[in-house]
């Protein structure tokens, strides 16, 4: 009787490498896909400059009447302002373009719901009736214009007026 003994064949190194490569590929195929890169947030435009021009109606502004212009955003933050006598403006006359000093680089969305506040402080008696156009320019090239076409009349007895943006 002959005895048959099974031969043991050692595994070859190439077979091991192939097995490892197949296992690695299987892991890659079952691994979750990487999340897409988040888009960079869009830069928000901020206030860069502001100006205002008045049109005097039928009541002139005396040369010594102080005018204060204050632009506030909806958070009540003063974003631009100017104050001074600014000269005399006769009936039917336009003021020069008056630059406002930017106090806060407020983001464009915050301007909506804000106000343009006009105050006069006359020396003695003065009544001034006017309309105005205020312009705010933003870093992204956008602009906001407030055209107040309804007459405002201010005097020593009624010094303040607000226009909502």
C-alpha atoms as a PDB file:
ATOM      1  CA  UNK A   1       0.000   0.000   0.000  1.00  0.00           C
ATOM      2  CA  UNK A   2       1.336   3.237  -0.872  1.00  0.00           C
ATOM      3  CA  UNK A   3       0.965   6.163   1.178  1.00  0.00           C
ATOM      4  CA  UNK A   4       0.086   9.400  -0.384  1.00  0.00           C
ATOM      5  CA  UNK A   5       1.023  12.418   1.571  1.00  0.00           C
ATOM      6  CA  UNK A   6      -0.393  15.719   0.428  1.00  0.00           C
ATOM      7  CA  UNK A   7       2.157  18.150  -0.617  1.00  0.00           C
ATOM      8  CA  UNK A   8       2.037  21.481   1.030  1.00  0.00           C
ATOM      9  CA  UNK A   9       2.658  24.266  -1.422  1.00  0.00           C
ATOM     10  CA  UNK A  10       3.797  27.507   0.150  1.00  0.00           C
ATOM     11  CA  UNK A  11       1.998  30.605  -0.989  1.00  0.00           C
ATOM     12  CA  UNK A  12       3.826  32.752  -3.357  1.00  0.00           C
ATOM     13  CA  UNK A  13       4.638  36.421  -2.553  1.00  0.00           C
ATOM     14  CA  UNK A  14       2.956  37.604  -5.790  1.00  0.00           C
ATOM     15  CA  UNK A  15      -0.293  35.959  -4.698  1.00  0.00           C
ATOM     16  CA  UNK A  16      -0.141  37.805  -1.357  1.00  0.00           C
ATOM     17  CA  UNK A  17       0.379  41.148  -3.103  1.00  0.00           C
ATOM     18  CA  UNK A  18      -2.587  40.468  -5.372  1.00  0.00           C
ATOM     19  CA  UNK A  19      -4.760  39.597  -2.383  1.00  0.00           C
ATOM     20  CA  UNK A  20      -3.766  42.804  -0.599  1.00  0.00           C
ATOM     21  CA  UNK A  21      -4.446  44.883  -3.720  1.00  0.00           C
ATOM     22  CA  UNK A  22      -7.931  43.358  -4.112  1.00  0.00           C
ATOM     23  CA  UNK A  23      -8.714  44.019  -0.428  1.00  0.00           C
ATOM     24  CA  UNK A  24      -7.540  47.642  -0.716  1.00  0.00           C
ATOM     25  CA  UNK A  25      -9.663  48.167  -3.842  1.00  0.00           C
ATOM     26  CA  UNK A  26     -12.694  46.746  -2.046  1.00  0.00           C
ATOM     27  CA  UNK A  27     -12.180  49.200   0.815  1.00  0.00           C
ATOM     28  CA  UNK A  28     -11.930  52.117  -1.580  1.00  0.00           C
ATOM     29  CA  UNK A  29     -15.114  51.080  -3.340  1.00  0.00           C
ATOM     30  CA  UNK A  30     -17.073  50.834  -0.098  1.00  0.00           C
ATOM     31  CA  UNK A  31     -15.637  53.964   1.563  1.00  0.00           C
ATOM     32  CA  UNK A  32     -17.942  57.007   1.602  1.00  0.00           C
ATOM     33  CA  UNK A  33     -17.258  59.595  -1.094  1.00  0.00           C
ATOM     34  CA  UNK A  34     -15.474  62.719   0.132  1.00  0.00           C
ATOM     35  CA  UNK A  35     -17.769  65.679   0.752  1.00  0.00           C
ATOM     36  CA  UNK A  36     -17.717  68.279  -2.030  1.00  0.00           C
ATOM     37  CA  UNK A  37     -15.630  71.330  -1.234  1.00  0.00           C
ATOM     38  CA  UNK A  38     -17.770  74.068   0.272  1.00  0.00           C
ATOM     39  CA  UNK A  39     -18.096  77.140  -1.888  1.00  0.00           C
ATOM     40  CA  UNK A  40     -16.288  80.129  -0.496  1.00  0.00           C
ATOM     41  CA  UNK A  41     -18.742  82.562   1.101  1.00  0.00           C
ATOM     42  CA  UNK A  42     -19.546  85.520  -1.104  1.00  0.00           C
ATOM     43  CA  UNK A  43     -17.986  88.720   0.169  1.00  0.00           C
ATOM     44  CA  UNK A  44     -20.561  91.183   1.467  1.00  0.00           C
ATOM     45  CA  UNK A  45     -20.301  94.711   0.056  1.00  0.00           C
ATOM     46  CA  UNK A  46     -19.661  97.408   2.630  1.00  0.00           C
ATOM     47  CA  UNK A  47     -20.300 101.156   2.551  1.00  0.00           C
ATOM     48  CA  UNK A  48     -17.413 103.074   0.951  1.00  0.00           C
ATOM     49  CA  UNK A  49     -18.813 106.575   0.340  1.00  0.00           C
ATOM     50  CA  UNK A  50     -21.987 108.613   0.676  1.00  0.00           C
ATOM     51  CA  UNK A  51     -23.262 112.009  -0.447  1.00  0.00           C
ATOM     52  CA  UNK A  52     -26.419 114.107  -0.511  1.00  0.00           C
ATOM     53  CA  UNK A  53     -27.799 116.944  -2.639  1.00  0.00           C
ATOM     54  CA  UNK A  54     -30.695 119.154  -1.554  1.00  0.00           C
ATOM     55  CA  UNK A  55     -33.193 121.032  -3.718  1.00  0.00           C
ATOM     56  CA  UNK A  56     -34.670 124.054  -1.923  1.00  0.00           C
ATOM     57  CA  UNK A  57     -38.360 124.588  -2.630  1.00  0.00           C
ATOM     58  CA  UNK A  58     -40.186 127.829  -1.660  1.00  0.00           C
ATOM     59  CA  UNK A  59     -38.480 128.537   1.699  1.00  0.00           C
ATOM     60  CA  UNK A  60     -34.731 129.200   1.584  1.00  0.00           C
ATOM     61  CA  UNK A  61     -32.076 128.020   4.040  1.00  0.00           C
ATOM     62  CA  UNK A  62     -30.240 130.845   5.798  1.00  0.00           C
ATOM     63  CA  UNK A  63     -26.470 130.753   5.513  1.00  0.00           C
ATOM     64  CA  UNK A  64     -25.998 130.427   9.276  1.00  0.00           C
ATOM     65  CA  UNK A  65     -28.488 127.579   9.781  1.00  0.00           C
ATOM     66  CA  UNK A  66     -26.570 124.466  10.743  1.00  0.00           C
ATOM     67  CA  UNK A  67     -27.603 121.253   8.943  1.00  0.00           C
ATOM     68  CA  UNK A  68     -26.817 117.791  10.281  1.00  0.00           C
ATOM     69  CA  UNK A  69     -27.257 114.758   8.027  1.00  0.00           C
ATOM     70  CA  UNK A  70     -27.082 111.322   9.662  1.00  0.00           C
ATOM     71  CA  UNK A  71     -27.492 107.994   7.837  1.00  0.00           C
ATOM     72  CA  UNK A  72     -28.241 105.003  10.069  1.00  0.00           C
ATOM     73  CA  UNK A  73     -28.610 101.356   9.113  1.00  0.00           C
ATOM     74  CA  UNK A  74     -31.466  99.189  10.422  1.00  0.00           C
ATOM     75  CA  UNK A  75     -29.363  98.410  13.534  1.00  0.00           C
ATOM     76  CA  UNK A  76     -29.385 102.182  14.330  1.00  0.00           C
ATOM     77  CA  UNK A  77     -25.617 102.331  13.700  1.00  0.00           C
ATOM     78  CA  UNK A  78     -24.481 105.700  12.344  1.00  0.00           C
ATOM     79  CA  UNK A  79     -22.893 104.758   9.027  1.00  0.00           C
ATOM     80  CA  UNK A  80     -22.368 108.240   7.524  1.00  0.00           C
ATOM     81  CA  UNK A  81     -22.852 111.848   8.595  1.00  0.00           C
ATOM     82  CA  UNK A  82     -22.020 115.480   7.962  1.00  0.00           C
ATOM     83  CA  UNK A  83     -22.734 118.690   9.810  1.00  0.00           C
ATOM     84  CA  UNK A  84     -22.155 122.371   9.208  1.00  0.00           C
ATOM     85  CA  UNK A  85     -23.670 125.652   8.020  1.00  0.00           C
ATOM     86  CA  UNK A  86     -23.053 124.543   4.424  1.00  0.00           C
ATOM     87  CA  UNK A  87     -24.053 127.939   2.985  1.00  0.00           C
ATOM     88  CA  UNK A  88     -27.257 129.679   1.963  1.00  0.00           C
ATOM     89  CA  UNK A  89     -29.599 128.005  -0.491  1.00  0.00           C
ATOM     90  CA  UNK A  90     -32.233 130.144  -2.170  1.00  0.00           C
ATOM     91  CA  UNK A  91     -35.665 129.065  -3.388  1.00  0.00           C
ATOM     92  CA  UNK A  92     -35.473 126.804  -6.426  1.00  0.00           C
ATOM     93  CA  UNK A  93     -31.726 126.231  -5.953  1.00  0.00           C
ATOM     94  CA  UNK A  94     -29.794 122.953  -5.687  1.00  0.00           C
ATOM     95  CA  UNK A  95     -27.080 122.597  -3.089  1.00  0.00           C
ATOM     96  CA  UNK A  96     -23.699 121.345  -4.157  1.00  0.00           C
ATOM     97  CA  UNK A  97     -23.101 117.603  -3.719  1.00  0.00           C
ATOM     98  CA  UNK A  98     -22.234 117.249  -0.026  1.00  0.00           C
ATOM     99  CA  UNK A  99     -19.917 114.386   0.877  1.00  0.00           C
ATOM    100  CA  UNK A 100     -20.771 112.490   4.029  1.00  0.00           C
ATOM    101  CA  UNK A 101     -18.119 111.069   6.332  1.00  0.00           C
ATOM    102  CA  UNK A 102     -18.397 107.263   6.477  1.00  0.00           C
ATOM    103  CA  UNK A 103     -18.376 106.218  10.146  1.00  0.00           C
ATOM    104  CA  UNK A 104     -19.016 102.483   9.746  1.00  0.00           C
ATOM    105  CA  UNK A 105     -18.439 100.140   6.809  1.00  0.00           C
ATOM    106  CA  UNK A 106     -21.951  98.784   7.193  1.00  0.00           C
ATOM    107  CA  UNK A 107     -22.865  95.786   4.999  1.00  0.00           C
ATOM    108  CA  UNK A 108     -25.277  96.519   2.152  1.00  0.00           C
ATOM    109  CA  UNK A 109     -28.120  94.324   3.536  1.00  0.00           C
ATOM    110  CA  UNK A 110     -28.101  96.342   6.787  1.00  0.00           C
ATOM    111  CA  UNK A 111     -29.011  99.603   5.013  1.00  0.00           C
ATOM    112  CA  UNK A 112     -32.539  98.476   4.127  1.00  0.00           C
ATOM    113  CA  UNK A 113     -34.860  99.770   6.835  1.00  0.00           C
ATOM    114  CA  UNK A 114     -32.350 102.391   7.979  1.00  0.00           C
ATOM    115  CA  UNK A 115     -32.931 106.154   7.873  1.00  0.00           C
ATOM    116  CA  UNK A 116     -31.618 109.419   6.497  1.00  0.00           C
ATOM    117  CA  UNK A 117     -32.064 111.936   9.316  1.00  0.00           C
ATOM    118  CA  UNK A 118     -31.940 115.702   8.616  1.00  0.00           C
ATOM    119  CA  UNK A 119     -31.749 118.215  11.460  1.00  0.00           C
ATOM    120  CA  UNK A 120     -31.455 121.987  11.344  1.00  0.00           C
ATOM    121  CA  UNK A 121     -30.266 124.319  14.079  1.00  0.00           C
ATOM    122  CA  UNK A 122     -31.072 127.863  12.947  1.00  0.00           C
ATOM    123  CA  UNK A 123     -29.705 131.020  14.520  1.00  0.00           C
ATOM    124  CA  UNK A 124     -32.979 132.748  15.347  1.00  0.00           C
ATOM    125  CA  UNK A 125     -35.828 132.032  12.944  1.00  0.00           C
ATOM    126  CA  UNK A 126     -35.493 130.036   9.726  1.00  0.00           C
ATOM    127  CA  UNK A 127     -37.897 127.900   7.750  1.00  0.00           C
ATOM    128  CA  UNK A 128     -36.433 125.694   5.020  1.00  0.00           C
ATOM    129  CA  UNK A 129     -38.413 123.500   2.633  1.00  0.00           C
ATOM    130  CA  UNK A 130     -36.552 121.010   0.468  1.00  0.00           C
ATOM    131  CA  UNK A 131     -36.283 117.615  -1.194  1.00  0.00           C
ATOM    132  CA  UNK A 132     -33.092 115.581  -1.445  1.00  0.00           C
ATOM    133  CA  UNK A 133     -31.220 112.755  -3.129  1.00  0.00           C
ATOM    134  CA  UNK A 134     -28.788 110.713  -1.011  1.00  0.00           C
ATOM    135  CA  UNK A 135     -26.411 108.205  -2.585  1.00  0.00           C
ATOM    136  CA  UNK A 136     -24.509 105.413  -0.840  1.00  0.00           C
ATOM    137  CA  UNK A 137     -21.765 103.547  -2.752  1.00  0.00           C
ATOM    138  CA  UNK A 138     -20.628 100.045  -1.790  1.00  0.00           C
ATOM    139  CA  UNK A 139     -17.391  98.083  -2.235  1.00  0.00           C
ATOM    140  CA  UNK A 140     -18.940  95.588  -4.653  1.00  0.00           C
ATOM    141  CA  UNK A 141     -19.930  98.372  -7.064  1.00  0.00           C
ATOM    142  CA  UNK A 142     -23.537  98.531  -5.877  1.00  0.00           C
ATOM    143  CA  UNK A 143     -25.195 101.815  -5.032  1.00  0.00           C
ATOM    144  CA  UNK A 144     -28.282 102.824  -3.090  1.00  0.00           C
ATOM    145  CA  UNK A 145     -30.063 106.072  -3.928  1.00  0.00           C
ATOM    146  CA  UNK A 146     -32.722 107.608  -1.715  1.00  0.00           C
ATOM    147  CA  UNK A 147     -34.846 110.124  -3.624  1.00  0.00           C
ATOM    148  CA  UNK A 148     -37.010 112.129  -1.272  1.00  0.00           C
ATOM    149  CA  UNK A 149     -39.392 113.867  -3.664  1.00  0.00           C
ATOM    150  CA  UNK A 150     -42.003 114.757  -1.056  1.00  0.00           C
ATOM    151  CA  UNK A 151     -41.249 118.166   0.427  1.00  0.00           C
ATOM    152  CA  UNK A 152     -39.828 118.419   3.930  1.00  0.00           C
ATOM    153  CA  UNK A 153     -40.261 121.677   5.847  1.00  0.00           C
ATOM    154  CA  UNK A 154     -38.084 122.309   8.891  1.00  0.00           C
ATOM    155  CA  UNK A 155     -37.916 125.359  11.169  1.00  0.00           C
ATOM    156  CA  UNK A 156     -36.807 126.471  14.595  1.00  0.00           C
ATOM    157  CA  UNK A 157     -40.018 124.845  15.906  1.00  0.00           C
ATOM    158  CA  UNK A 158     -39.714 121.601  13.905  1.00  0.00           C
ATOM    159  CA  UNK A 159     -36.030 120.724  13.518  1.00  0.00           C
ATOM    160  CA  UNK A 160     -35.916 117.029  12.578  1.00  0.00           C
ATOM    161  CA  UNK A 161     -37.076 114.783   9.730  1.00  0.00           C
ATOM    162  CA  UNK A 162     -36.450 111.100   8.986  1.00  0.00           C
ATOM    163  CA  UNK A 163     -36.740 109.312   5.652  1.00  0.00           C
ATOM    164  CA  UNK A 164     -36.754 105.509   5.699  1.00  0.00           C
ATOM    165  CA  UNK A 165     -34.357 103.816   3.285  1.00  0.00           C
END
